[in-house]
Amino acid sequence: MIINDWIHVIAGFFILLSLFLGVFQSTYWLFFTAFVGLNLFQYGFTKFCPLGIILKKFGVRETR
């Protein structure tokens, strides 16, 4: 998997986790859902993602 794939997988996991926590723990977890969504939105325009930088430092490939 390349960096772009990992970004989508991890973001999807965080969204599902924060929705689950928002329903069963505290609605304040929904702010985390919004944060992840906003990061994905700006990534679509700017191609800048802090998670991408972290994954690159861990040696994840950028292209197939």
PDB file of N, CA and C in Angstrom:
ATOM      1  N   MET A   1       0.839  -1.183   0.000  1.00  0.00           N
ATOM      2  CA  MET A   1       0.000   0.000   0.000  1.00  0.00           C
ATOM      3  C   MET A   1       0.884   1.246   0.000  1.00  0.00           C
ATOM      4  N   ILE A   2       0.384   2.285  -0.653  1.00  0.00           N
ATOM      5  CA  ILE A   2       1.129   3.542  -0.722  1.00  0.00           C
ATOM      6  C   ILE A   2       0.547   4.535   0.293  1.00  0.00           C
ATOM      7  N   ILE A   3       1.214   5.677   0.431  1.00  0.00           N
ATOM      8  CA  ILE A   3       0.824   6.673   1.431  1.00  0.00           C
ATOM      9  C   ILE A   3      -0.644   7.076   1.281  1.00  0.00           C
ATOM     10  N   ASN A   4      -1.090   7.317   0.060  1.00  0.00           N
ATOM     11  CA  ASN A   4      -2.464   7.743  -0.172  1.00  0.00           C
ATOM     12  C   ASN A   4      -3.467   6.698   0.329  1.00  0.00           C
ATOM     13  N   ASP A   5      -3.162   5.423   0.112  1.00  0.00           N
ATOM     14  CA  ASP A   5      -4.036   4.350   0.601  1.00  0.00           C
ATOM     15  C   ASP A   5      -4.091   4.341   2.122  1.00  0.00           C
ATOM     16  N   TRP A   6      -2.926   4.484   2.748  1.00  0.00           N
ATOM     17  CA  TRP A   6      -2.877   4.477   4.213  1.00  0.00           C
ATOM     18  C   TRP A   6      -3.630   5.656   4.812  1.00  0.00           C
ATOM     19  N   ILE A   7      -3.525   6.825   4.160  1.00  0.00           N
ATOM     20  CA  ILE A   7      -4.245   7.993   4.655  1.00  0.00           C
ATOM     21  C   ILE A   7      -5.742   7.720   4.685  1.00  0.00           C
ATOM     22  N   HIS A   8      -6.265   7.127   3.619  1.00  0.00           N
ATOM     23  CA  HIS A   8      -7.697   6.834   3.564  1.00  0.00           C
ATOM     24  C   HIS A   8      -8.103   5.770   4.590  1.00  0.00           C
ATOM     25  N   VAL A   9      -7.287   4.759   4.761  1.00  0.00           N
ATOM     26  CA  VAL A   9      -7.602   3.693   5.722  1.00  0.00           C
ATOM     27  C   VAL A   9      -7.610   4.240   7.152  1.00  0.00           C
ATOM     28  N   ILE A  10      -6.576   4.980   7.502  1.00  0.00           N
ATOM     29  CA  ILE A  10      -6.471   5.499   8.868  1.00  0.00           C
ATOM     30  C   ILE A  10      -7.554   6.542   9.135  1.00  0.00           C
ATOM     31  N   ALA A  11      -7.815   7.422   8.163  1.00  0.00           N
ATOM     32  CA  ALA A  11      -8.868   8.429   8.337  1.00  0.00           C
ATOM     33  C   ALA A  11     -10.229   7.756   8.493  1.00  0.00           C
ATOM     34  N   GLY A  12     -10.507   6.741   7.687  1.00  0.00           N
ATOM     35  CA  GLY A  12     -11.768   6.019   7.810  1.00  0.00           C
ATOM     36  C   GLY A  12     -11.916   5.359   9.169  1.00  0.00           C
ATOM     37  N   PHE A  13     -10.822   4.774   9.653  1.00  0.00           N
ATOM     38  CA  PHE A  13     -10.855   4.149  10.978  1.00  0.00           C
ATOM     39  C   PHE A  13     -11.125   5.187  12.064  1.00  0.00           C
ATOM     40  N   PHE A  14     -10.441   6.341  11.986  1.00  0.00           N
ATOM     41  CA  PHE A  14     -10.648   7.387  12.989  1.00  0.00           C
ATOM     42  C   PHE A  14     -12.076   7.922  12.958  1.00  0.00           C
ATOM     43  N   ILE A  15     -12.638   8.064  11.770  1.00  0.00           N
ATOM     44  CA  ILE A  15     -14.016   8.543  11.667  1.00  0.00           C
ATOM     45  C   ILE A  15     -14.982   7.545  12.294  1.00  0.00           C
ATOM     46  N   LEU A  16     -14.825   6.277  11.970  1.00  0.00           N
ATOM     47  CA  LEU A  16     -15.717   5.269  12.555  1.00  0.00           C
ATOM     48  C   LEU A  16     -15.545   5.174  14.068  1.00  0.00           C
ATOM     49  N   LEU A  17     -14.301   5.225  14.537  1.00  0.00           N
ATOM     50  CA  LEU A  17     -14.041   5.158  15.971  1.00  0.00           C
ATOM     51  C   LEU A  17     -14.649   6.353  16.702  1.00  0.00           C
ATOM     52  N   SER A  18     -14.457   7.552  16.144  1.00  0.00           N
ATOM     53  CA  SER A  18     -14.977   8.733  16.831  1.00  0.00           C
ATOM     54  C   SER A  18     -16.503   8.789  16.767  1.00  0.00           C
ATOM     55  N   LEU A  19     -17.109   8.291  15.696  1.00  0.00           N
ATOM     56  CA  LEU A  19     -18.574   8.201  15.663  1.00  0.00           C
ATOM     57  C   LEU A  19     -19.087   7.239  16.730  1.00  0.00           C
ATOM     58  N   PHE A  20     -18.413   6.088  16.857  1.00  0.00           N
ATOM     59  CA  PHE A  20     -18.789   5.119  17.888  1.00  0.00           C
ATOM     60  C   PHE A  20     -18.667   5.746  19.282  1.00  0.00           C
ATOM     61  N   LEU A  21     -17.543   6.415  19.543  1.00  0.00           N
ATOM     62  CA  LEU A  21     -17.343   7.050  20.848  1.00  0.00           C
ATOM     63  C   LEU A  21     -18.326   8.202  21.052  1.00  0.00           C
ATOM     64  N   GLY A  22     -18.676   8.909  19.976  1.00  0.00           N
ATOM     65  CA  GLY A  22     -19.636  10.000  20.078  1.00  0.00           C
ATOM     66  C   GLY A  22     -21.022   9.525  20.448  1.00  0.00           C
ATOM     67  N   VAL A  23     -21.381   8.333  19.994  1.00  0.00           N
ATOM     68  CA  VAL A  23     -22.705   7.785  20.306  1.00  0.00           C
ATOM     69  C   VAL A  23     -22.731   7.191  21.708  1.00  0.00           C
ATOM     70  N   PHE A  24     -21.685   6.477  22.095  1.00  0.00           N
ATOM     71  CA  PHE A  24     -21.719   5.719  23.343  1.00  0.00           C
ATOM     72  C   PHE A  24     -20.985   6.368  24.514  1.00  0.00           C
ATOM     73  N   GLN A  25     -20.159   7.373  24.274  1.00  0.00           N
ATOM     74  CA  GLN A  25     -19.415   8.004  25.370  1.00  0.00           C
ATOM     75  C   GLN A  25     -19.821   9.460  25.574  1.00  0.00           C
ATOM     76  N   SER A  26     -19.401  10.299  24.645  1.00  0.00           N
ATOM     77  CA  SER A  26     -19.663  11.726  24.755  1.00  0.00           C
ATOM     78  C   SER A  26     -19.780  12.317  23.361  1.00  0.00           C
ATOM     79  N   THR A  27     -20.712  13.225  23.190  1.00  0.00           N
ATOM     80  CA  THR A  27     -20.878  13.839  21.874  1.00  0.00           C
ATOM     81  C   THR A  27     -19.698  14.732  21.501  1.00  0.00           C
ATOM     82  N   TYR A  28     -18.845  15.050  22.445  1.00  0.00           N
ATOM     83  CA  TYR A  28     -17.658  15.843  22.142  1.00  0.00           C
ATOM     84  C   TYR A  28     -16.700  15.114  21.199  1.00  0.00           C
ATOM     85  N   TRP A  29     -16.792  13.785  21.121  1.00  0.00           N
ATOM     86  CA  TRP A  29     -15.969  13.024  20.185  1.00  0.00           C
ATOM     87  C   TRP A  29     -16.299  13.371  18.739  1.00  0.00           C
ATOM     88  N   LEU A  30     -17.480  13.930  18.496  1.00  0.00           N
ATOM     89  CA  LEU A  30     -17.847  14.297  17.137  1.00  0.00           C
ATOM     90  C   LEU A  30     -17.002  15.458  16.617  1.00  0.00           C
ATOM     91  N   PHE A  31     -16.402  16.229  17.502  1.00  0.00           N
ATOM     92  CA  PHE A  31     -15.462  17.251  17.064  1.00  0.00           C
ATOM     93  C   PHE A  31     -14.235  16.616  16.410  1.00  0.00           C
ATOM     94  N   PHE A  32     -13.822  15.470  16.917  1.00  0.00           N
ATOM     95  CA  PHE A  32     -12.702  14.741  16.300  1.00  0.00           C
ATOM     96  C   PHE A  32     -13.096  14.253  14.910  1.00  0.00           C
ATOM     97  N   THR A  33     -14.337  13.806  14.751  1.00  0.00           N
ATOM     98  CA  THR A  33     -14.837  13.409  13.436  1.00  0.00           C
ATOM     99  C   THR A  33     -14.758  14.587  12.470  1.00  0.00           C
ATOM    100  N   ALA A  34     -15.182  15.751  12.919  1.00  0.00           N
ATOM    101  CA  ALA A  34     -15.132  16.939  12.078  1.00  0.00           C
ATOM    102  C   ALA A  34     -13.692  17.312  11.739  1.00  0.00           C
ATOM    103  N   PHE A  35     -12.783  17.177  12.685  1.00  0.00           N
ATOM    104  CA  PHE A  35     -11.370  17.476  12.451  1.00  0.00           C
ATOM    105  C   PHE A  35     -10.793  16.578  11.363  1.00  0.00           C
ATOM    106  N   VAL A  36     -11.076  15.290  11.428  1.00  0.00           N
ATOM    107  CA  VAL A  36     -10.583  14.355  10.419  1.00  0.00           C
ATOM    108  C   VAL A  36     -11.196  14.682   9.062  1.00  0.00           C
ATOM    109  N   GLY A  37     -12.493  14.973   9.047  1.00  0.00           N
ATOM    110  CA  GLY A  37     -13.160  15.329   7.797  1.00  0.00           C
ATOM    111  C   GLY A  37     -12.594  16.586   7.176  1.00  0.00           C
ATOM    112  N   LEU A  38     -12.325  17.592   7.989  1.00  0.00           N
ATOM    113  CA  LEU A  38     -11.734  18.834   7.473  1.00  0.00           C
ATOM    114  C   LEU A  38     -10.326  18.604   6.935  1.00  0.00           C
ATOM    115  N   ASN A  39      -9.561  17.744   7.608  1.00  0.00           N
ATOM    116  CA  ASN A  39      -8.227  17.423   7.099  1.00  0.00           C
ATOM    117  C   ASN A  39      -8.308  16.725   5.751  1.00  0.00           C
ATOM    118  N   LEU A  40      -9.256  15.802   5.593  1.00  0.00           N
ATOM    119  CA  LEU A  40      -9.426  15.141   4.303  1.00  0.00           C
ATOM    120  C   LEU A  40      -9.855  16.135   3.229  1.00  0.00           C
ATOM    121  N   PHE A  41     -10.719  17.066   3.593  1.00  0.00           N
ATOM    122  CA  PHE A  41     -11.193  18.073   2.653  1.00  0.00           C
ATOM    123  C   PHE A  41     -10.040  18.947   2.158  1.00  0.00           C
ATOM    124  N   GLN A  42      -9.225  19.460   3.077  1.00  0.00           N
ATOM    125  CA  GLN A  42      -8.118  20.311   2.665  1.00  0.00           C
ATOM    126  C   GLN A  42      -7.045  19.507   1.948  1.00  0.00           C
ATOM    127  N   TYR A  43      -6.877  18.230   2.269  1.00  0.00           N
ATOM    128  CA  TYR A  43      -5.916  17.373   1.577  1.00  0.00           C
ATOM    129  C   TYR A  43      -6.296  17.224   0.104  1.00  0.00           C
ATOM    130  N   GLY A  44      -7.588  17.197  -0.176  1.00  0.00           N
ATOM    131  CA  GLY A  44      -8.045  17.099  -1.552  1.00  0.00           C
ATOM    132  C   GLY A  44      -7.623  18.278  -2.405  1.00  0.00           C
ATOM    133  N   PHE A  45      -7.521  19.445  -1.810  1.00  0.00           N
ATOM    134  CA  PHE A  45      -7.133  20.644  -2.547  1.00  0.00           C
ATOM    135  C   PHE A  45      -5.630  20.907  -2.519  1.00  0.00           C
ATOM    136  N   THR A  46      -5.000  20.708  -1.364  1.00  0.00           N
ATOM    137  CA  THR A  46      -3.610  21.117  -1.199  1.00  0.00           C
ATOM    138  C   THR A  46      -2.617  19.975  -1.302  1.00  0.00           C
ATOM    139  N   LYS A  47      -3.075  18.742  -1.178  1.00  0.00           N
ATOM    140  CA  LYS A  47      -2.207  17.551  -1.144  1.00  0.00           C
ATOM    141  C   LYS A  47      -1.224  17.601   0.020  1.00  0.00           C
ATOM    142  N   PHE A  48      -1.562  18.357   1.065  1.00  0.00           N
ATOM    143  CA  PHE A  48      -0.750  18.404   2.278  1.00  0.00           C
ATOM    144  C   PHE A  48      -1.496  17.683   3.385  1.00  0.00           C
ATOM    145  N   CYS A  49      -0.826  16.722   4.000  1.00  0.00           N
ATOM    146  CA  CYS A  49      -1.432  15.971   5.094  1.00  0.00           C
ATOM    147  C   CYS A  49      -0.345  15.651   6.117  1.00  0.00           C
ATOM    148  N   PRO A  50      -0.533  16.056   7.370  1.00  0.00           N
ATOM    149  CA  PRO A  50       0.465  15.736   8.394  1.00  0.00           C
ATOM    150  C   PRO A  50       0.702  14.225   8.525  1.00  0.00           C
ATOM    151  N   LEU A  51      -0.348  13.434   8.386  1.00  0.00           N
ATOM    152  CA  LEU A  51      -0.181  11.983   8.456  1.00  0.00           C
ATOM    153  C   LEU A  51       0.706  11.483   7.325  1.00  0.00           C
ATOM    154  N   GLY A  52       0.603  12.104   6.136  1.00  0.00           N
ATOM    155  CA  GLY A  52       1.460  11.722   5.019  1.00  0.00           C
ATOM    156  C   GLY A  52       2.930  11.929   5.329  1.00  0.00           C
ATOM    157  N   ILE A  53       3.245  13.010   6.020  1.00  0.00           N
ATOM    158  CA  ILE A  53       4.633  13.286   6.409  1.00  0.00           C
ATOM    159  C   ILE A  53       5.126  12.221   7.385  1.00  0.00           C
ATOM    160  N   ILE A  54       4.275  11.870   8.335  1.00  0.00           N
ATOM    161  CA  ILE A  54       4.640  10.842   9.323  1.00  0.00           C
ATOM    162  C   ILE A  54       4.850   9.500   8.636  1.00  0.00           C
ATOM    163  N   LEU A  55       3.953   9.129   7.736  1.00  0.00           N
ATOM    164  CA  LEU A  55       4.084   7.855   7.031  1.00  0.00           C
ATOM    165  C   LEU A  55       5.335   7.819   6.169  1.00  0.00           C
ATOM    166  N   LYS A  56       5.684   8.951   5.552  1.00  0.00           N
ATOM    167  CA  LYS A  56       6.892   9.015   4.730  1.00  0.00           C
ATOM    168  C   LYS A  56       8.129   8.774   5.589  1.00  0.00           C
ATOM    169  N   LYS A  57       8.129   9.333   6.812  1.00  0.00           N
ATOM    170  CA  LYS A  57       9.268   9.132   7.712  1.00  0.00           C
ATOM    171  C   LYS A  57       9.378   7.677   8.167  1.00  0.00           C
ATOM    172  N   PHE A  58       8.245   6.959   8.185  1.00  0.00           N
ATOM    173  CA  PHE A  58       8.261   5.544   8.536  1.00  0.00           C
ATOM    174  C   PHE A  58       8.621   4.656   7.348  1.00  0.00           C
ATOM    175  N   GLY A  59       8.827   5.274   6.189  1.00  0.00           N
ATOM    176  CA  GLY A  59       9.289   4.516   5.039  1.00  0.00           C
ATOM    177  C   GLY A  59       8.200   3.965   4.134  1.00  0.00           C
ATOM    178  N   VAL A  60       6.984   4.464   4.244  1.00  0.00           N
ATOM    179  CA  VAL A  60       5.903   4.012   3.374  1.00  0.00           C
ATOM    180  C   VAL A  60       6.129   4.600   1.983  1.00  0.00           C
ATOM    181  N   ARG A  61       5.931   3.770   0.952  1.00  0.00           N
ATOM    182  CA  ARG A  61       6.169   4.209  -0.421  1.00  0.00           C
ATOM    183  C   ARG A  61       5.154   5.250  -0.858  1.00  0.00           C
ATOM    184  N   GLU A  62       5.574   6.148  -1.770  1.00  0.00           N
ATOM    185  CA  GLU A  62       4.696   7.177  -2.299  1.00  0.00           C
ATOM    186  C   GLU A  62       4.006   6.739  -3.592  1.00  0.00           C
ATOM    187  N   THR A  63       4.648   5.867  -4.349  1.00  0.00           N
ATOM    188  CA  THR A  63       4.068   5.389  -5.609  1.00  0.00           C
ATOM    189  C   THR A  63       4.098   3.871  -5.639  1.00  0.00           C
ATOM    190  N   ARG A  64       3.322   3.335  -6.551  1.00  0.00           N
ATOM    191  CA  ARG A  64       3.245   1.871  -6.671  1.00  0.00           C
ATOM    192  C   ARG A  64       4.448   1.322  -7.377  1.00  0.00           C
TER     193      ARG A  64
END
